[in-house]
PDB file of all heavy atoms in Angstrom:
ATOM      1  N   GLU A   1      -6.200  20.186 -19.912  1.00  0.00           N
ATOM      2  CA  GLU A   1      -7.252  21.212 -19.676  1.00  0.00           C
ATOM      3  C   GLU A   1      -7.597  21.782 -21.021  1.00  0.00           C
ATOM      4  O   GLU A   1      -6.916  21.709 -22.015  1.00  0.00           O
ATOM      5  CB  GLU A   1      -6.820  22.312 -18.740  1.00  0.00           C
ATOM      6  CG  GLU A   1      -5.674  23.180 -19.206  1.00  0.00           C
ATOM      7  CD  GLU A   1      -5.443  24.396 -18.333  1.00  0.00           C
ATOM      8  OE1 GLU A   1      -6.223  25.353 -18.277  1.00  0.00           O
ATOM      9  OE2 GLU A   1      -4.481  24.304 -17.562  1.00  0.00           O
ATOM     10  N   HIS A   2      -8.899  22.323 -21.198  1.00  0.00           N
ATOM     11  CA  HIS A   2      -9.357  22.846 -22.401  1.00  0.00           C
ATOM     12  C   HIS A   2      -9.080  24.326 -22.369  1.00  0.00           C
ATOM     13  O   HIS A   2      -9.360  25.022 -21.479  1.00  0.00           O
ATOM     14  CB  HIS A   2     -10.851  22.591 -22.558  1.00  0.00           C
ATOM     15  CG  HIS A   2     -11.305  22.694 -23.958  1.00  0.00           C
ATOM     16  ND1 HIS A   2     -11.528  23.892 -24.617  1.00  0.00           N
ATOM     17  CD2 HIS A   2     -11.634  21.716 -24.870  1.00  0.00           C
ATOM     18  CE1 HIS A   2     -11.927  23.558 -25.873  1.00  0.00           C
ATOM     19  NE2 HIS A   2     -11.980  22.274 -26.017  1.00  0.00           N
ATOM     20  N   GLU A   3      -8.525  24.857 -23.493  1.00  0.00           N
ATOM     21  CA  GLU A   3      -8.045  26.246 -23.553  1.00  0.00           C
ATOM     22  C   GLU A   3      -9.180  27.163 -23.847  1.00  0.00           C
ATOM     23  O   GLU A   3      -9.132  28.371 -23.468  1.00  0.00           O
ATOM     24  CB  GLU A   3      -6.962  26.404 -24.587  1.00  0.00           C
ATOM     25  CG  GLU A   3      -5.692  25.658 -24.229  1.00  0.00           C
ATOM     26  CD  GLU A   3      -4.577  25.858 -25.176  1.00  0.00           C
ATOM     27  OE1 GLU A   3      -4.639  25.225 -26.346  1.00  0.00           O
ATOM     28  OE2 GLU A   3      -3.665  26.662 -24.854  1.00  0.00           O
ATOM     29  N   LEU A   4     -10.300  26.699 -24.372  1.00  0.00           N
ATOM     30  CA  LEU A   4     -11.443  27.548 -24.676  1.00  0.00           C
ATOM     31  C   LEU A   4     -12.530  27.490 -23.622  1.00  0.00           C
ATOM     32  O   LEU A   4     -13.078  28.480 -23.172  1.00  0.00           O
ATOM     33  CB  LEU A   4     -12.062  27.174 -26.006  1.00  0.00           C
ATOM     34  CG  LEU A   4     -13.268  28.025 -26.584  1.00  0.00           C
ATOM     35  CD1 LEU A   4     -12.766  29.434 -26.654  1.00  0.00           C
ATOM     36  CD2 LEU A   4     -13.705  27.523 -27.939  1.00  0.00           C
ATOM     37  N   PHE A   5     -12.726  26.230 -23.114  1.00  0.00           N
ATOM     38  CA  PHE A   5     -13.721  26.074 -22.065  1.00  0.00           C
ATOM     39  C   PHE A   5     -13.033  25.726 -20.693  1.00  0.00           C
ATOM     40  O   PHE A   5     -12.516  24.622 -20.507  1.00  0.00           O
ATOM     41  CB  PHE A   5     -14.665  24.910 -22.377  1.00  0.00           C
ATOM     42  CG  PHE A   5     -15.278  25.069 -23.855  1.00  0.00           C
ATOM     43  CD1 PHE A   5     -15.143  24.097 -24.764  1.00  0.00           C
ATOM     44  CD2 PHE A   5     -15.854  26.201 -24.146  1.00  0.00           C
ATOM     45  CE1 PHE A   5     -15.663  24.203 -26.034  1.00  0.00           C
ATOM     46  CE2 PHE A   5     -16.437  26.408 -25.371  1.00  0.00           C
ATOM     47  CZ  PHE A   5     -16.304  25.415 -26.349  1.00  0.00           C
ATOM     48  N   PRO A   6     -12.905  26.772 -19.839  1.00  0.00           N
ATOM     49  CA  PRO A   6     -11.989  26.638 -18.715  1.00  0.00           C
ATOM     50  C   PRO A   6     -12.242  25.615 -17.569  1.00  0.00           C
ATOM     51  O   PRO A   6     -11.413  25.384 -16.782  1.00  0.00           O
ATOM     52  CB  PRO A   6     -12.015  28.080 -18.090  1.00  0.00           C
ATOM     53  CG  PRO A   6     -13.334  28.578 -18.508  1.00  0.00           C
ATOM     54  CD  PRO A   6     -13.660  27.956 -19.805  1.00  0.00           C
ATOM     55  N   HIS A   7     -13.472  25.038 -17.571  1.00  0.00           N
ATOM     56  CA  HIS A   7     -13.815  24.117 -16.576  1.00  0.00           C
ATOM     57  C   HIS A   7     -13.922  22.686 -17.061  1.00  0.00           C
ATOM     58  O   HIS A   7     -14.680  21.904 -16.553  1.00  0.00           O
ATOM     59  CB  HIS A   7     -15.061  24.563 -15.832  1.00  0.00           C
ATOM     60  CG  HIS A   7     -14.961  25.950 -15.287  1.00  0.00           C
ATOM     61  ND1 HIS A   7     -16.066  26.771 -15.130  1.00  0.00           N
ATOM     62  CD2 HIS A   7     -13.924  26.661 -14.775  1.00  0.00           C
ATOM     63  CE1 HIS A   7     -15.590  27.911 -14.601  1.00  0.00           C
ATOM     64  NE2 HIS A   7     -14.240  27.854 -14.399  1.00  0.00           N
ATOM     65  N   VAL A   8     -13.245  22.384 -18.112  1.00  0.00           N
ATOM     66  CA  VAL A   8     -13.290  21.034 -18.791  1.00  0.00           C
ATOM     67  C   VAL A   8     -11.886  20.478 -18.450  1.00  0.00           C
ATOM     68  O   VAL A   8     -10.868  20.976 -18.889  1.00  0.00           O
ATOM     69  CB  VAL A   8     -13.449  21.103 -20.316  1.00  0.00           C
ATOM     70  CG1 VAL A   8     -13.291  19.765 -20.961  1.00  0.00           C
ATOM     71  CG2 VAL A   8     -14.883  21.587 -20.575  1.00  0.00           C
ATOM     72  N   LEU A   9     -11.865  19.399 -17.746  1.00  0.00           N
ATOM     73  CA  LEU A   9     -10.612  18.771 -17.307  1.00  0.00           C
ATOM     74  C   LEU A   9     -10.638  17.345 -17.614  1.00  0.00           C
ATOM     75  O   LEU A   9     -11.554  16.581 -17.254  1.00  0.00           O
ATOM     76  CB  LEU A   9     -10.448  18.989 -15.790  1.00  0.00           C
ATOM     77  CG  LEU A   9      -9.236  18.408 -15.138  1.00  0.00           C
ATOM     78  CD1 LEU A   9      -7.942  19.011 -15.704  1.00  0.00           C
ATOM     79  CD2 LEU A   9      -9.341  18.658 -13.550  1.00  0.00           C
ATOM     80  N   ALA A  10      -9.569  16.821 -18.295  1.00  0.00           N
ATOM     81  CA  ALA A  10      -9.370  15.442 -18.587  1.00  0.00           C
ATOM     82  C   ALA A  10      -8.291  14.747 -17.769  1.00  0.00           C
ATOM     83  O   ALA A  10      -7.144  15.347 -17.763  1.00  0.00           O
ATOM     84  CB  ALA A  10      -9.103  15.214 -20.090  1.00  0.00           C
ATOM     85  N   LEU A  11      -8.557  13.667 -17.089  1.00  0.00           N
ATOM     86  CA  LEU A  11      -7.563  13.015 -16.269  1.00  0.00           C
ATOM     87  C   LEU A  11      -7.239  11.636 -16.806  1.00  0.00           C
ATOM     88  O   LEU A  11      -8.306  10.976 -17.270  1.00  0.00           O
ATOM     89  CB  LEU A  11      -8.003  12.874 -14.809  1.00  0.00           C
ATOM     90  CG  LEU A  11      -8.496  14.136 -14.163  1.00  0.00           C
ATOM     91  CD1 LEU A  11      -9.170  13.884 -12.769  1.00  0.00           C
ATOM     92  CD2 LEU A  11      -7.436  15.199 -14.015  1.00  0.00           C
ATOM     93  N   GLN A  12      -6.026  11.144 -16.725  1.00  0.00           N
ATOM     94  CA  GLN A  12      -5.748   9.795 -17.088  1.00  0.00           C
ATOM     95  C   GLN A  12      -5.735   8.848 -15.819  1.00  0.00           C
ATOM     96  O   GLN A  12      -5.849   7.682 -16.021  1.00  0.00           O
ATOM     97  CB  GLN A  12      -4.318   9.779 -17.728  1.00  0.00           C
ATOM     98  CG  GLN A  12      -3.938   8.342 -18.195  1.00  0.00           C
ATOM     99  CD  GLN A  12      -4.879   7.746 -19.188  1.00  0.00           C
ATOM    100  OE1 GLN A  12      -4.933   8.084 -20.347  1.00  0.00           O
ATOM    101  NE2 GLN A  12      -5.746   6.845 -18.762  1.00  0.00           N
ATOM    102  N   PHE A  13      -5.739   9.475 -14.599  1.00  0.00           N
ATOM    103  CA  PHE A  13      -5.644   8.679 -13.425  1.00  0.00           C
ATOM    104  C   PHE A  13      -7.107   8.693 -12.820  1.00  0.00           C
ATOM    105  O   PHE A  13      -8.040   9.289 -13.313  1.00  0.00           O
ATOM    106  CB  PHE A  13      -4.693   9.256 -12.420  1.00  0.00           C
ATOM    107  CG  PHE A  13      -4.791  10.715 -12.225  1.00  0.00           C
ATOM    108  CD1 PHE A  13      -5.621  11.258 -11.213  1.00  0.00           C
ATOM    109  CD2 PHE A  13      -4.151  11.682 -13.046  1.00  0.00           C
ATOM    110  CE1 PHE A  13      -5.690  12.615 -10.979  1.00  0.00           C
ATOM    111  CE2 PHE A  13      -4.298  13.002 -12.906  1.00  0.00           C
ATOM    112  CZ  PHE A  13      -5.047  13.518 -11.858  1.00  0.00           C
ATOM    113  N   HIS A  14      -7.211   8.028 -11.649  1.00  0.00           N
ATOM    114  CA  HIS A  14      -8.502   7.822 -10.969  1.00  0.00           C
ATOM    115  C   HIS A  14      -8.488   8.481  -9.615  1.00  0.00           C
ATOM    116  O   HIS A  14      -7.955   7.926  -8.606  1.00  0.00           O
ATOM    117  CB  HIS A  14      -8.758   6.291 -10.752  1.00  0.00           C
ATOM    118  CG  HIS A  14      -9.161   5.543 -11.984  1.00  0.00           C
ATOM    119  ND1 HIS A  14     -10.460   5.530 -12.422  1.00  0.00           N
ATOM    120  CD2 HIS A  14      -8.373   4.879 -12.891  1.00  0.00           C
ATOM    121  CE1 HIS A  14     -10.461   4.764 -13.555  1.00  0.00           C
ATOM    122  NE2 HIS A  14      -9.292   4.426 -13.876  1.00  0.00           N
ATOM    123  N   PRO A  15      -9.116   9.607  -9.411  1.00  0.00           N
ATOM    124  CA  PRO A  15      -9.210  10.315  -8.133  1.00  0.00           C
ATOM    125  C   PRO A  15     -10.497   9.859  -7.343  1.00  0.00           C
ATOM    126  O   PRO A  15     -10.726  10.465  -6.390  1.00  0.00           O
ATOM    127  CB  PRO A  15      -9.266  11.759  -8.526  1.00  0.00           C
ATOM    128  CG  PRO A  15     -10.057  11.740  -9.793  1.00  0.00           C
ATOM    129  CD  PRO A  15      -9.653  10.527 -10.484  1.00  0.00           C
ATOM    130  N   GLU A  16     -11.270   8.898  -8.002  1.00  0.00           N
ATOM    131  CA  GLU A  16     -12.560   8.599  -7.300  1.00  0.00           C
ATOM    132  C   GLU A  16     -12.630   7.226  -6.713  1.00  0.00           C
ATOM    133  O   GLU A  16     -13.572   6.841  -6.072  1.00  0.00           O
ATOM    134  CB  GLU A  16     -13.624   8.694  -8.428  1.00  0.00           C
ATOM    135  CG  GLU A  16     -13.856   7.488  -9.287  1.00  0.00           C
ATOM    136  CD  GLU A  16     -12.756   7.124 -10.350  1.00  0.00           C
ATOM    137  OE1 GLU A  16     -11.754   7.785 -10.244  1.00  0.00           O
ATOM    138  OE2 GLU A  16     -12.987   6.249 -11.154  1.00  0.00           O
ATOM    139  N   PHE A  17     -11.573   6.311  -6.905  1.00  0.00           N
ATOM    140  CA  PHE A  17     -11.668   5.040  -6.392  1.00  0.00           C
ATOM    141  C   PHE A  17     -11.746   4.971  -4.877  1.00  0.00           C
ATOM    142  O   PHE A  17     -11.006   5.572  -4.129  1.00  0.00           O
ATOM    143  CB  PHE A  17     -10.466   4.176  -6.821  1.00  0.00           C
ATOM    144  CG  PHE A  17     -10.516   3.583  -8.154  1.00  0.00           C
ATOM    145  CD1 PHE A  17     -11.579   3.944  -9.100  1.00  0.00           C
ATOM    146  CD2 PHE A  17      -9.590   2.679  -8.650  1.00  0.00           C
ATOM    147  CE1 PHE A  17     -11.636   3.389 -10.368  1.00  0.00           C
ATOM    148  CE2 PHE A  17      -9.625   2.109  -9.903  1.00  0.00           C
ATOM    149  CZ  PHE A  17     -10.648   2.531 -10.739  1.00  0.00           C
ATOM    150  N   PRO A  18     -12.780   4.206  -4.292  1.00  0.00           N
ATOM    151  CA  PRO A  18     -13.011   4.138  -2.857  1.00  0.00           C
ATOM    152  C   PRO A  18     -11.798   3.610  -2.130  1.00  0.00           C
ATOM    153  O   PRO A  18     -11.562   3.993  -0.928  1.00  0.00           O
ATOM    154  CB  PRO A  18     -14.185   3.166  -2.734  1.00  0.00           C
ATOM    155  CG  PRO A  18     -14.952   3.355  -4.016  1.00  0.00           C
ATOM    156  CD  PRO A  18     -13.936   3.546  -5.088  1.00  0.00           C
ATOM    157  N   VAL A  19     -10.928   2.783  -2.782  1.00  0.00           N
ATOM    158  CA  VAL A  19      -9.809   2.194  -2.020  1.00  0.00           C
ATOM    159  C   VAL A  19      -8.893   3.217  -1.567  1.00  0.00           C
ATOM    160  O   VAL A  19      -8.057   3.041  -0.657  1.00  0.00           O
ATOM    161  CB  VAL A  19      -9.085   1.130  -2.969  1.00  0.00           C
ATOM    162  CG1 VAL A  19      -8.357   1.856  -4.099  1.00  0.00           C
ATOM    163  CG2 VAL A  19      -8.141   0.307  -2.227  1.00  0.00           C
ATOM    164  N   LEU A  20      -8.874   4.416  -2.228  1.00  0.00           N
ATOM    165  CA  LEU A  20      -7.919   5.538  -1.803  1.00  0.00           C
ATOM    166  C   LEU A  20      -8.286   5.981  -0.415  1.00  0.00           C
ATOM    167  O   LEU A  20      -7.347   6.594   0.299  1.00  0.00           O
ATOM    168  CB  LEU A  20      -7.946   6.673  -2.773  1.00  0.00           C
ATOM    169  CG  LEU A  20      -7.498   6.326  -4.180  1.00  0.00           C
ATOM    170  CD1 LEU A  20      -7.707   7.510  -5.108  1.00  0.00           C
ATOM    171  CD2 LEU A  20      -5.927   6.061  -4.093  1.00  0.00           C
ATOM    172  N   TRP A  21      -9.517   5.884   0.058  1.00  0.00           N
ATOM    173  CA  TRP A  21      -9.929   6.488   1.387  1.00  0.00           C
ATOM    174  C   TRP A  21     -10.223   5.425   2.387  1.00  0.00           C
ATOM    175  O   TRP A  21     -10.461   5.743   3.542  1.00  0.00           O
ATOM    176  CB  TRP A  21     -11.180   7.272   1.112  1.00  0.00           C
ATOM    177  CG  TRP A  21     -11.207   8.004  -0.245  1.00  0.00           C
ATOM    178  CD1 TRP A  21     -12.195   7.801  -1.174  1.00  0.00           C
ATOM    179  CD2 TRP A  21     -10.269   8.811  -0.806  1.00  0.00           C
ATOM    180  NE1 TRP A  21     -11.891   8.515  -2.311  1.00  0.00           N
ATOM    181  CE2 TRP A  21     -10.652   9.068  -2.106  1.00  0.00           C
ATOM    182  CE3 TRP A  21      -9.034   9.354  -0.317  1.00  0.00           C
ATOM    183  CZ2 TRP A  21      -9.871   9.904  -2.974  1.00  0.00           C
ATOM    184  CZ3 TRP A  21      -8.292  10.173  -1.153  1.00  0.00           C
ATOM    185  CH2 TRP A  21      -8.740  10.500  -2.426  1.00  0.00           C
ATOM    186  N   ASP A  22     -10.079   4.133   1.992  1.00  0.00           N
ATOM    187  CA  ASP A  22     -10.331   3.070   2.897  1.00  0.00           C
ATOM    188  C   ASP A  22      -9.094   2.692   3.643  1.00  0.00           C
ATOM    189  O   ASP A  22      -8.181   1.946   3.183  1.00  0.00           O
ATOM    190  CB  ASP A  22     -10.928   1.819   2.081  1.00  0.00           C
ATOM    191  CG  ASP A  22     -11.291   0.639   3.013  1.00  0.00           C
ATOM    192  OD1 ASP A  22     -11.138   0.840   4.226  1.00  0.00           O
ATOM    193  OD2 ASP A  22     -11.757  -0.307   2.514  1.00  0.00           O
ATOM    194  N   LYS A  23      -8.936   3.098   4.875  1.00  0.00           N
ATOM    195  CA  LYS A  23      -7.837   2.887   5.734  1.00  0.00           C
ATOM    196  C   LYS A  23      -7.613   1.409   6.047  1.00  0.00           C
ATOM    197  O   LYS A  23      -6.450   1.027   6.367  1.00  0.00           O
ATOM    198  CB  LYS A  23      -7.812   3.750   6.942  1.00  0.00           C
ATOM    199  CG  LYS A  23      -7.899   5.230   6.698  1.00  0.00           C
ATOM    200  CD  LYS A  23      -7.897   6.023   8.064  1.00  0.00           C
ATOM    201  CE  LYS A  23      -7.980   7.545   7.730  1.00  0.00           C
ATOM    202  NZ  LYS A  23      -8.047   8.320   8.892  1.00  0.00           N
ATOM    203  N   GLY A  24      -8.652   0.667   5.929  1.00  0.00           N
ATOM    204  CA  GLY A  24      -8.559  -0.736   6.264  1.00  0.00           C
ATOM    205  C   GLY A  24      -8.229  -1.670   5.126  1.00  0.00           C
ATOM    206  O   GLY A  24      -7.964  -2.882   5.269  1.00  0.00           O
ATOM    207  N   ALA A  25      -8.152  -1.042   3.873  1.00  0.00           N
ATOM    208  CA  ALA A  25      -7.750  -1.774   2.706  1.00  0.00           C
ATOM    209  C   ALA A  25      -6.174  -2.073   2.666  1.00  0.00           C
ATOM    210  O   ALA A  25      -5.493  -1.073   2.560  1.00  0.00           O
ATOM    211  CB  ALA A  25      -8.298  -1.126   1.414  1.00  0.00           C
TER     212      ALA A  25
END
């Protein structure tokens, strides 16, 4: 997280991949 700009967030992982929500995959 950024200490000066509180809503700046850097992730190393993927929270957006569709396979995470596809129960049939």
